[in-house]
Amino acid sequence: EYTKSNLLFSVEVEPKNNDLITYVKN
């Protein structure tokens, strides 16, 4: 279960990726 930590890191790498931002919120 690495979902949350992986996605938070992904947003740091791609802070303008709206798909990732929305996914993290969900």
PDB file of all heavy atoms in Angstrom:
ATOM      1  N   GLU A   1       0.853  -1.187   0.000  1.00  0.00           N
ATOM      2  CA  GLU A   1       0.000   0.000   0.000  1.00  0.00           C
ATOM      3  C   GLU A   1       0.888   1.237   0.000  1.00  0.00           C
ATOM      4  O   GLU A   1       1.292   1.730   1.046  1.00  0.00           O
ATOM      5  CB  GLU A   1      -0.920  -0.005   1.230  1.00  0.00           C
ATOM      6  CG  GLU A   1      -1.767   1.238   1.376  1.00  0.00           C
ATOM      7  CD  GLU A   1      -2.505   1.585   0.102  1.00  0.00           C
ATOM      8  OE1 GLU A   1      -3.533   0.967  -0.170  1.00  0.00           O
ATOM      9  OE2 GLU A   1      -2.026   2.467  -0.633  1.00  0.00           O
ATOM     10  N   TYR A   2       1.248   1.670  -1.213  1.00  0.00           N
ATOM     11  CA  TYR A   2       2.079   2.857  -1.371  1.00  0.00           C
ATOM     12  C   TYR A   2       1.329   3.970  -2.107  1.00  0.00           C
ATOM     13  O   TYR A   2       1.944   4.953  -2.523  1.00  0.00           O
ATOM     14  CB  TYR A   2       3.336   2.523  -2.182  1.00  0.00           C
ATOM     15  CG  TYR A   2       4.321   1.596  -1.500  1.00  0.00           C
ATOM     16  CD1 TYR A   2       5.220   0.850  -2.264  1.00  0.00           C
ATOM     17  CD2 TYR A   2       4.376   1.474  -0.114  1.00  0.00           C
ATOM     18  CE1 TYR A   2       6.142  -0.001  -1.654  1.00  0.00           C
ATOM     19  CE2 TYR A   2       5.288   0.634   0.495  1.00  0.00           C
ATOM     20  CZ  TYR A   2       6.176  -0.106  -0.276  1.00  0.00           C
ATOM     21  OH  TYR A   2       7.079  -0.935   0.321  1.00  0.00           O
ATOM     22  N   THR A   3       0.042   3.807  -2.285  1.00  0.00           N
ATOM     23  CA  THR A   3      -0.716   4.707  -3.153  1.00  0.00           C
ATOM     24  C   THR A   3      -0.546   6.174  -2.764  1.00  0.00           C
ATOM     25  O   THR A   3      -0.158   7.012  -3.587  1.00  0.00           O
ATOM     26  CB  THR A   3      -2.215   4.347  -3.134  1.00  0.00           C
ATOM     27  OG1 THR A   3      -2.371   2.964  -3.447  1.00  0.00           O
ATOM     28  CG2 THR A   3      -2.991   5.195  -4.127  1.00  0.00           C
ATOM     29  N   LYS A   4      -0.838   6.492  -1.530  1.00  0.00           N
ATOM     30  CA  LYS A   4      -0.821   7.888  -1.108  1.00  0.00           C
ATOM     31  C   LYS A   4       0.577   8.491  -1.201  1.00  0.00           C
ATOM     32  O   LYS A   4       0.751   9.590  -1.753  1.00  0.00           O
ATOM     33  CB  LYS A   4      -1.350   8.002   0.325  1.00  0.00           C
ATOM     34  CG  LYS A   4      -1.492   9.432   0.811  1.00  0.00           C
ATOM     35  CD  LYS A   4      -2.105   9.466   2.208  1.00  0.00           C
ATOM     36  CE  LYS A   4      -2.210  10.881   2.734  1.00  0.00           C
ATOM     37  NZ  LYS A   4      -2.798  10.907   4.100  1.00  0.00           N
ATOM     38  N   SER A   5       1.585   7.786  -0.695  1.00  0.00           N
ATOM     39  CA  SER A   5       2.947   8.337  -0.713  1.00  0.00           C
ATOM     40  C   SER A   5       3.463   8.483  -2.143  1.00  0.00           C
ATOM     41  O   SER A   5       4.139   9.465  -2.477  1.00  0.00           O
ATOM     42  CB  SER A   5       3.890   7.447   0.105  1.00  0.00           C
ATOM     43  OG  SER A   5       3.910   6.128  -0.394  1.00  0.00           O
ATOM     44  N   ASN A   6       3.143   7.517  -3.010  1.00  0.00           N
ATOM     45  CA  ASN A   6       3.568   7.613  -4.401  1.00  0.00           C
ATOM     46  C   ASN A   6       2.956   8.819  -5.095  1.00  0.00           C
ATOM     47  O   ASN A   6       3.626   9.545  -5.832  1.00  0.00           O
ATOM     48  CB  ASN A   6       3.167   6.350  -5.172  1.00  0.00           C
ATOM     49  CG  ASN A   6       4.126   5.197  -4.935  1.00  0.00           C
ATOM     50  OD1 ASN A   6       5.247   5.386  -4.467  1.00  0.00           O
ATOM     51  ND2 ASN A   6       3.686   4.001  -5.255  1.00  0.00           N
ATOM     52  N   LEU A   7       1.680   9.046  -4.855  1.00  0.00           N
ATOM     53  CA  LEU A   7       0.991  10.135  -5.540  1.00  0.00           C
ATOM     54  C   LEU A   7       1.425  11.496  -5.006  1.00  0.00           C
ATOM     55  O   LEU A   7       1.534  12.462  -5.769  1.00  0.00           O
ATOM     56  CB  LEU A   7      -0.517   9.967  -5.421  1.00  0.00           C
ATOM     57  CG  LEU A   7      -1.077   8.772  -6.207  1.00  0.00           C
ATOM     58  CD1 LEU A   7      -2.549   8.587  -5.928  1.00  0.00           C
ATOM     59  CD2 LEU A   7      -0.834   8.936  -7.701  1.00  0.00           C
ATOM     60  N   LEU A   8       1.688  11.585  -3.715  1.00  0.00           N
ATOM     61  CA  LEU A   8       2.183  12.847  -3.167  1.00  0.00           C
ATOM     62  C   LEU A   8       3.551  13.182  -3.766  1.00  0.00           C
ATOM     63  O   LEU A   8       3.839  14.342  -4.079  1.00  0.00           O
ATOM     64  CB  LEU A   8       2.270  12.763  -1.638  1.00  0.00           C
ATOM     65  CG  LEU A   8       0.925  12.733  -0.898  1.00  0.00           C
ATOM     66  CD1 LEU A   8       1.152  12.512   0.594  1.00  0.00           C
ATOM     67  CD2 LEU A   8       0.147  14.025  -1.134  1.00  0.00           C
ATOM     68  N   PHE A   9       4.388  12.166  -3.921  1.00  0.00           N
ATOM     69  CA  PHE A   9       5.689  12.384  -4.563  1.00  0.00           C
ATOM     70  C   PHE A   9       5.506  12.790  -6.023  1.00  0.00           C
ATOM     71  O   PHE A   9       6.203  13.672  -6.538  1.00  0.00           O
ATOM     72  CB  PHE A   9       6.534  11.115  -4.476  1.00  0.00           C
ATOM     73  CG  PHE A   9       7.822  11.184  -5.242  1.00  0.00           C
ATOM     74  CD1 PHE A   9       8.900  11.920  -4.763  1.00  0.00           C
ATOM     75  CD2 PHE A   9       7.955  10.526  -6.456  1.00  0.00           C
ATOM     76  CE1 PHE A   9      10.086  11.994  -5.469  1.00  0.00           C
ATOM     77  CE2 PHE A   9       9.138  10.597  -7.175  1.00  0.00           C
ATOM     78  CZ  PHE A   9      10.205  11.330  -6.686  1.00  0.00           C
ATOM     79  N   SER A  10       4.554  12.146  -6.704  1.00  0.00           N
ATOM     80  CA  SER A  10       4.313  12.454  -8.108  1.00  0.00           C
ATOM     81  C   SER A  10       3.898  13.905  -8.302  1.00  0.00           C
ATOM     82  O   SER A  10       4.312  14.558  -9.266  1.00  0.00           O
ATOM     83  CB  SER A  10       3.224  11.526  -8.669  1.00  0.00           C
ATOM     84  OG  SER A  10       3.622  10.185  -8.621  1.00  0.00           O
ATOM     85  N   VAL A  11       3.091  14.420  -7.373  1.00  0.00           N
ATOM     86  CA  VAL A  11       2.661  15.814  -7.468  1.00  0.00           C
ATOM     87  C   VAL A  11       3.841  16.756  -7.265  1.00  0.00           C
ATOM     88  O   VAL A  11       3.910  17.825  -7.894  1.00  0.00           O
ATOM     89  CB  VAL A  11       1.546  16.103  -6.443  1.00  0.00           C
ATOM     90  CG1 VAL A  11       1.247  17.593  -6.372  1.00  0.00           C
ATOM     91  CG2 VAL A  11       0.281  15.344  -6.821  1.00  0.00           C
ATOM     92  N   GLU A  12       4.792  16.370  -6.406  1.00  0.00           N
ATOM     93  CA  GLU A  12       5.992  17.190  -6.231  1.00  0.00           C
ATOM     94  C   GLU A  12       6.809  17.240  -7.528  1.00  0.00           C
ATOM     95  O   GLU A  12       7.380  18.267  -7.879  1.00  0.00           O
ATOM     96  CB  GLU A  12       6.851  16.621  -5.101  1.00  0.00           C
ATOM     97  CG  GLU A  12       6.254  16.821  -3.707  1.00  0.00           C
ATOM     98  CD  GLU A  12       7.187  16.320  -2.628  1.00  0.00           C
ATOM     99  OE1 GLU A  12       8.338  15.958  -2.959  1.00  0.00           O
ATOM    100  OE2 GLU A  12       6.785  16.289  -1.453  1.00  0.00           O
ATOM    101  N   VAL A  13       6.853  16.104  -8.219  1.00  0.00           N
ATOM    102  CA  VAL A  13       7.610  16.041  -9.475  1.00  0.00           C
ATOM    103  C   VAL A  13       6.881  16.787 -10.586  1.00  0.00           C
ATOM    104  O   VAL A  13       7.497  17.468 -11.411  1.00  0.00           O
ATOM    105  CB  VAL A  13       7.838  14.570  -9.887  1.00  0.00           C
ATOM    106  CG1 VAL A  13       8.510  14.495 -11.257  1.00  0.00           C
ATOM    107  CG2 VAL A  13       8.687  13.853  -8.848  1.00  0.00           C
ATOM    108  N   GLU A  14       5.542  16.660 -10.617  1.00  0.00           N
ATOM    109  CA  GLU A  14       4.734  17.292 -11.655  1.00  0.00           C
ATOM    110  C   GLU A  14       3.642  18.151 -11.008  1.00  0.00           C
ATOM    111  O   GLU A  14       2.462  17.785 -10.998  1.00  0.00           O
ATOM    112  CB  GLU A  14       4.106  16.249 -12.563  1.00  0.00           C
ATOM    113  CG  GLU A  14       5.098  15.384 -13.312  1.00  0.00           C
ATOM    114  CD  GLU A  14       4.411  14.467 -14.305  1.00  0.00           C
ATOM    115  OE1 GLU A  14       3.545  14.949 -15.066  1.00  0.00           O
ATOM    116  OE2 GLU A  14       4.721  13.270 -14.297  1.00  0.00           O
ATOM    117  N   PRO A  15       4.016  19.296 -10.446  1.00  0.00           N
ATOM    118  CA  PRO A  15       3.056  20.115  -9.693  1.00  0.00           C
ATOM    119  C   PRO A  15       1.932  20.705 -10.547  1.00  0.00           C
ATOM    120  O   PRO A  15       0.922  21.155  -9.999  1.00  0.00           O
ATOM    121  CB  PRO A  15       3.940  21.230  -9.103  1.00  0.00           C
ATOM    122  CG  PRO A  15       5.126  21.295 -10.009  1.00  0.00           C
ATOM    123  CD  PRO A  15       5.368  19.885 -10.450  1.00  0.00           C
ATOM    124  N   LYS A  16       2.076  20.681 -11.863  1.00  0.00           N
ATOM    125  CA  LYS A  16       1.037  21.230 -12.744  1.00  0.00           C
ATOM    126  C   LYS A  16       0.204  20.146 -13.416  1.00  0.00           C
ATOM    127  O   LYS A  16      -0.607  20.447 -14.299  1.00  0.00           O
ATOM    128  CB  LYS A  16       1.696  22.115 -13.814  1.00  0.00           C
ATOM    129  CG  LYS A  16       2.384  23.345 -13.249  1.00  0.00           C
ATOM    130  CD  LYS A  16       2.971  24.203 -14.354  1.00  0.00           C
ATOM    131  CE  LYS A  16       3.658  25.434 -13.772  1.00  0.00           C
ATOM    132  NZ  LYS A  16       4.226  26.308 -14.833  1.00  0.00           N
ATOM    133  N   ASN A  17       0.387  18.914 -12.995  1.00  0.00           N
ATOM    134  CA  ASN A  17      -0.380  17.800 -13.558  1.00  0.00           C
ATOM    135  C   ASN A  17      -1.732  17.735 -12.858  1.00  0.00           C
ATOM    136  O   ASN A  17      -1.857  17.216 -11.749  1.00  0.00           O
ATOM    137  CB  ASN A  17       0.393  16.488 -13.377  1.00  0.00           C
ATOM    138  CG  ASN A  17      -0.253  15.324 -14.113  1.00  0.00           C
ATOM    139  OD1 ASN A  17      -1.475  15.222 -14.182  1.00  0.00           O
ATOM    140  ND2 ASN A  17       0.581  14.455 -14.660  1.00  0.00           N
ATOM    141  N   ASN A  18      -2.756  18.278 -13.487  1.00  0.00           N
ATOM    142  CA  ASN A  18      -4.077  18.359 -12.869  1.00  0.00           C
ATOM    143  C   ASN A  18      -4.690  16.991 -12.611  1.00  0.00           C
ATOM    144  O   ASN A  18      -5.456  16.817 -11.655  1.00  0.00           O
ATOM    145  CB  ASN A  18      -5.012  19.200 -13.746  1.00  0.00           C
ATOM    146  CG  ASN A  18      -4.627  20.664 -13.757  1.00  0.00           C
ATOM    147  OD1 ASN A  18      -4.131  21.185 -12.761  1.00  0.00           O
ATOM    148  ND2 ASN A  18      -4.834  21.337 -14.883  1.00  0.00           N
ATOM    149  N   ASP A  19      -4.379  16.022 -13.470  1.00  0.00           N
ATOM    150  CA  ASP A  19      -4.898  14.670 -13.249  1.00  0.00           C
ATOM    151  C   ASP A  19      -4.385  14.103 -11.930  1.00  0.00           C
ATOM    152  O   ASP A  19      -5.144  13.511 -11.159  1.00  0.00           O
ATOM    153  CB  ASP A  19      -4.483  13.747 -14.398  1.00  0.00           C
ATOM    154  CG  ASP A  19      -5.207  14.072 -15.687  1.00  0.00           C
ATOM    155  OD1 ASP A  19      -6.338  14.598 -15.610  1.00  0.00           O
ATOM    156  OD2 ASP A  19      -4.652  13.803 -16.768  1.00  0.00           O
ATOM    157  N   LEU A  20      -3.082  14.295 -11.675  1.00  0.00           N
ATOM    158  CA  LEU A  20      -2.506  13.796 -10.428  1.00  0.00           C
ATOM    159  C   LEU A  20      -3.071  14.533  -9.217  1.00  0.00           C
ATOM    160  O   LEU A  20      -3.376  13.920  -8.190  1.00  0.00           O
ATOM    161  CB  LEU A  20      -0.982  13.948 -10.456  1.00  0.00           C
ATOM    162  CG  LEU A  20      -0.198  12.947 -11.297  1.00  0.00           C
ATOM    163  CD1 LEU A  20       1.275  13.326 -11.335  1.00  0.00           C
ATOM    164  CD2 LEU A  20      -0.365  11.538 -10.749  1.00  0.00           C
ATOM    165  N   ILE A  21      -3.217  15.834  -9.325  1.00  0.00           N
ATOM    166  CA  ILE A  21      -3.749  16.632  -8.221  1.00  0.00           C
ATOM    167  C   ILE A  21      -5.165  16.183  -7.869  1.00  0.00           C
ATOM    168  O   ILE A  21      -5.508  16.008  -6.690  1.00  0.00           O
ATOM    169  CB  ILE A  21      -3.732  18.134  -8.581  1.00  0.00           C
ATOM    170  CG1 ILE A  21      -2.272  18.623  -8.696  1.00  0.00           C
ATOM    171  CG2 ILE A  21      -4.485  18.951  -7.538  1.00  0.00           C
ATOM    172  CD1 ILE A  21      -2.139  20.011  -9.269  1.00  0.00           C
ATOM    173  N   THR A  22      -5.988  15.978  -8.879  1.00  0.00           N
ATOM    174  CA  THR A  22      -7.363  15.514  -8.657  1.00  0.00           C
ATOM    175  C   THR A  22      -7.373  14.130  -8.037  1.00  0.00           C
ATOM    176  O   THR A  22      -8.162  13.837  -7.126  1.00  0.00           O
ATOM    177  CB  THR A  22      -8.140  15.491  -9.986  1.00  0.00           C
ATOM    178  OG1 THR A  22      -8.169  16.813 -10.526  1.00  0.00           O
ATOM    179  CG2 THR A  22      -9.571  14.993  -9.770  1.00  0.00           C
ATOM    180  N   TYR A  23      -6.476  13.275  -8.517  1.00  0.00           N
ATOM    181  CA  TYR A  23      -6.393  11.913  -8.018  1.00  0.00           C
ATOM    182  C   TYR A  23      -6.012  11.890  -6.538  1.00  0.00           C
ATOM    183  O   TYR A  23      -6.581  11.134  -5.740  1.00  0.00           O
ATOM    184  CB  TYR A  23      -5.359  11.154  -8.852  1.00  0.00           C
ATOM    185  CG  TYR A  23      -5.464   9.658  -8.773  1.00  0.00           C
ATOM    186  CD1 TYR A  23      -6.675   9.025  -8.535  1.00  0.00           C
ATOM    187  CD2 TYR A  23      -4.333   8.868  -8.944  1.00  0.00           C
ATOM    188  CE1 TYR A  23      -6.763   7.659  -8.470  1.00  0.00           C
ATOM    189  CE2 TYR A  23      -4.410   7.495  -8.881  1.00  0.00           C
ATOM    190  CZ  TYR A  23      -5.630   6.897  -8.644  1.00  0.00           C
ATOM    191  OH  TYR A  23      -5.709   5.533  -8.572  1.00  0.00           O
ATOM    192  N   VAL A  24      -5.059  12.723  -6.149  1.00  0.00           N
ATOM    193  CA  VAL A  24      -4.643  12.802  -4.746  1.00  0.00           C
ATOM    194  C   VAL A  24      -5.812  13.254  -3.871  1.00  0.00           C
ATOM    195  O   VAL A  24      -6.035  12.723  -2.776  1.00  0.00           O
ATOM    196  CB  VAL A  24      -3.439  13.749  -4.578  1.00  0.00           C
ATOM    197  CG1 VAL A  24      -3.184  14.037  -3.104  1.00  0.00           C
ATOM    198  CG2 VAL A  24      -2.191  13.143  -5.206  1.00  0.00           C
ATOM    199  N   LYS A  25      -6.576  14.226  -4.344  1.00  0.00           N
ATOM    200  CA  LYS A  25      -7.730  14.708  -3.581  1.00  0.00           C
ATOM    201  C   LYS A  25      -8.746  13.588  -3.380  1.00  0.00           C
ATOM    202  O   LYS A  25      -9.322  13.447  -2.298  1.00  0.00           O
ATOM    203  CB  LYS A  25      -8.376  15.884  -4.308  1.00  0.00           C
ATOM    204  CG  LYS A  25      -7.561  17.164  -4.273  1.00  0.00           C
ATOM    205  CD  LYS A  25      -8.265  18.285  -5.024  1.00  0.00           C
ATOM    206  CE  LYS A  25      -7.445  19.575  -4.984  1.00  0.00           C
ATOM    207  NZ  LYS A  25      -8.102  20.663  -5.753  1.00  0.00           N
ATOM    208  N   ASN A  26      -8.973  12.795  -4.420  1.00  0.00           N
ATOM    209  CA  ASN A  26      -9.919  11.685  -4.308  1.00  0.00           C
ATOM    210  C   ASN A  26      -9.434  10.635  -3.320  1.00  0.00           C
ATOM    211  O   ASN A  26     -10.216  10.082  -2.541  1.00  0.00           O
ATOM    212  CB  ASN A  26     -10.138  11.044  -5.682  1.00  0.00           C
ATOM    213  CG  ASN A  26     -10.917  11.940  -6.624  1.00  0.00           C
ATOM    214  OD1 ASN A  26     -11.668  12.807  -6.182  1.00  0.00           O
ATOM    215  ND2 ASN A  26     -10.748  11.743  -7.920  1.00  0.00           N
TER     216      ASN A  26
END
